[in-house]
Amino acid sequence: MGRWVNIADPGDLIAVPKRLGDRFDVDHHDEAYLGLVDFHRFDGYLSSGLMAAAVAPYV
């Protein structure tokens, strides 16, 4: 069974639209400030408490 949690940085111009559930079947939306300039680095996502909460039930 899959689950889609969309976590987007509100300043990320590439992550448009931020609310993917308006177009796809997304289970949950969250916004997290992941970086000042480089929004797509793994360390930004992996250090996010929202990401930790999203993956915790599966690890």
C-alpha atoms as a PDB file:
ATOM      1  CA  MET A   1       0.000   0.000   0.000  1.00  0.00           C
ATOM      2  CA  GLY A   2       1.445   3.366  -0.982  1.00  0.00           C
ATOM      3  CA  ARG A   3       1.171   6.788   0.544  1.00  0.00           C
ATOM      4  CA  TRP A   4       2.094  10.107  -1.039  1.00  0.00           C
ATOM      5  CA  VAL A   5       3.187  12.940   1.238  1.00  0.00           C
ATOM      6  CA  ASN A   6       4.021  16.121  -0.650  1.00  0.00           C
ATOM      7  CA  ILE A   7       6.624  18.275   1.104  1.00  0.00           C
ATOM      8  CA  ALA A   8       7.491  21.471  -0.747  1.00  0.00           C
ATOM      9  CA  ASP A   9       9.571  24.503   0.096  1.00  0.00           C
ATOM     10  CA  PRO A  10       7.368  27.595  -0.376  1.00  0.00           C
ATOM     11  CA  GLY A  11      10.324  29.458  -1.912  1.00  0.00           C
ATOM     12  CA  ASP A  12      11.119  26.737  -4.469  1.00  0.00           C
ATOM     13  CA  LEU A  13      10.219  28.067  -7.903  1.00  0.00           C
ATOM     14  CA  ILE A  14      10.641  24.599  -9.486  1.00  0.00           C
ATOM     15  CA  ALA A  15       8.113  22.889  -7.187  1.00  0.00           C
ATOM     16  CA  VAL A  16       5.069  24.305  -8.948  1.00  0.00           C
ATOM     17  CA  PRO A  17       2.328  23.654  -8.086  1.00  0.00           C
ATOM     18  CA  LYS A  18       3.114  23.181  -4.424  1.00  0.00           C
ATOM     19  CA  ARG A  19      -0.241  21.536  -3.698  1.00  0.00           C
ATOM     20  CA  LEU A  20       0.042  18.568  -6.033  1.00  0.00           C
ATOM     21  CA  GLY A  21      -3.162  17.150  -4.561  1.00  0.00           C
ATOM     22  CA  ASP A  22      -5.058  19.702  -6.571  1.00  0.00           C
ATOM     23  CA  ARG A  23      -3.962  17.673  -9.616  1.00  0.00           C
ATOM     24  CA  PHE A  24      -2.950  14.243  -8.207  1.00  0.00           C
ATOM     25  CA  ASP A  25      -4.091  11.900  -5.450  1.00  0.00           C
ATOM     26  CA  VAL A  26      -1.834  13.199  -2.642  1.00  0.00           C
ATOM     27  CA  ASP A  27      -2.529  11.978   0.903  1.00  0.00           C
ATOM     28  CA  HIS A  28      -0.982  14.917   2.775  1.00  0.00           C
ATOM     29  CA  HIS A  29       0.572  18.328   2.026  1.00  0.00           C
ATOM     30  CA  ASP A  30       3.224  20.107   4.050  1.00  0.00           C
ATOM     31  CA  GLU A  31       5.522  23.069   3.548  1.00  0.00           C
ATOM     32  CA  ALA A  32       9.050  23.094   4.918  1.00  0.00           C
ATOM     33  CA  TYR A  33      11.829  25.632   4.511  1.00  0.00           C
ATOM     34  CA  LEU A  34      14.547  23.348   3.146  1.00  0.00           C
ATOM     35  CA  GLY A  35      17.218  25.786   2.039  1.00  0.00           C
ATOM     36  CA  LEU A  36      17.920  29.389   1.213  1.00  0.00           C
ATOM     37  CA  VAL A  37      19.047  28.820  -2.376  1.00  0.00           C
ATOM     38  CA  ASP A  38      19.404  25.123  -3.234  1.00  0.00           C
ATOM     39  CA  PHE A  39      16.009  23.567  -2.472  1.00  0.00           C
ATOM     40  CA  HIS A  40      16.653  20.152  -4.022  1.00  0.00           C
ATOM     41  CA  ARG A  41      19.525  18.877  -1.896  1.00  0.00           C
ATOM     42  CA  PHE A  42      18.960  15.662   0.033  1.00  0.00           C
ATOM     43  CA  ASP A  43      20.254  17.150   3.275  1.00  0.00           C
ATOM     44  CA  GLY A  44      17.444  19.723   3.310  1.00  0.00           C
ATOM     45  CA  TYR A  45      14.782  17.055   3.008  1.00  0.00           C
ATOM     46  CA  LEU A  46      16.507  14.543   5.284  1.00  0.00           C
ATOM     47  CA  SER A  47      16.978  17.079   8.068  1.00  0.00           C
ATOM     48  CA  SER A  48      13.307  18.077   7.959  1.00  0.00           C
ATOM     49  CA  GLY A  49      11.154  16.956  10.862  1.00  0.00           C
ATOM     50  CA  LEU A  50       8.236  16.660   8.422  1.00  0.00           C
ATOM     51  CA  MET A  51      10.193  14.146   6.346  1.00  0.00           C
ATOM     52  CA  ALA A  52      11.151  12.183   9.464  1.00  0.00           C
ATOM     53  CA  ALA A  53       7.500  12.009  10.527  1.00  0.00           C
ATOM     54  CA  ALA A  54       6.435  10.909   7.037  1.00  0.00           C
ATOM     55  CA  VAL A  55       8.893   7.999   6.813  1.00  0.00           C
ATOM     56  CA  ALA A  56       8.983   6.926  10.494  1.00  0.00           C
ATOM     57  CA  PRO A  57       6.111   4.424  10.211  1.00  0.00           C
ATOM     58  CA  TYR A  58       7.984   2.610   7.412  1.00  0.00           C
ATOM     59  CA  VAL A  59      11.468   2.277   8.938  1.00  0.00           C
END
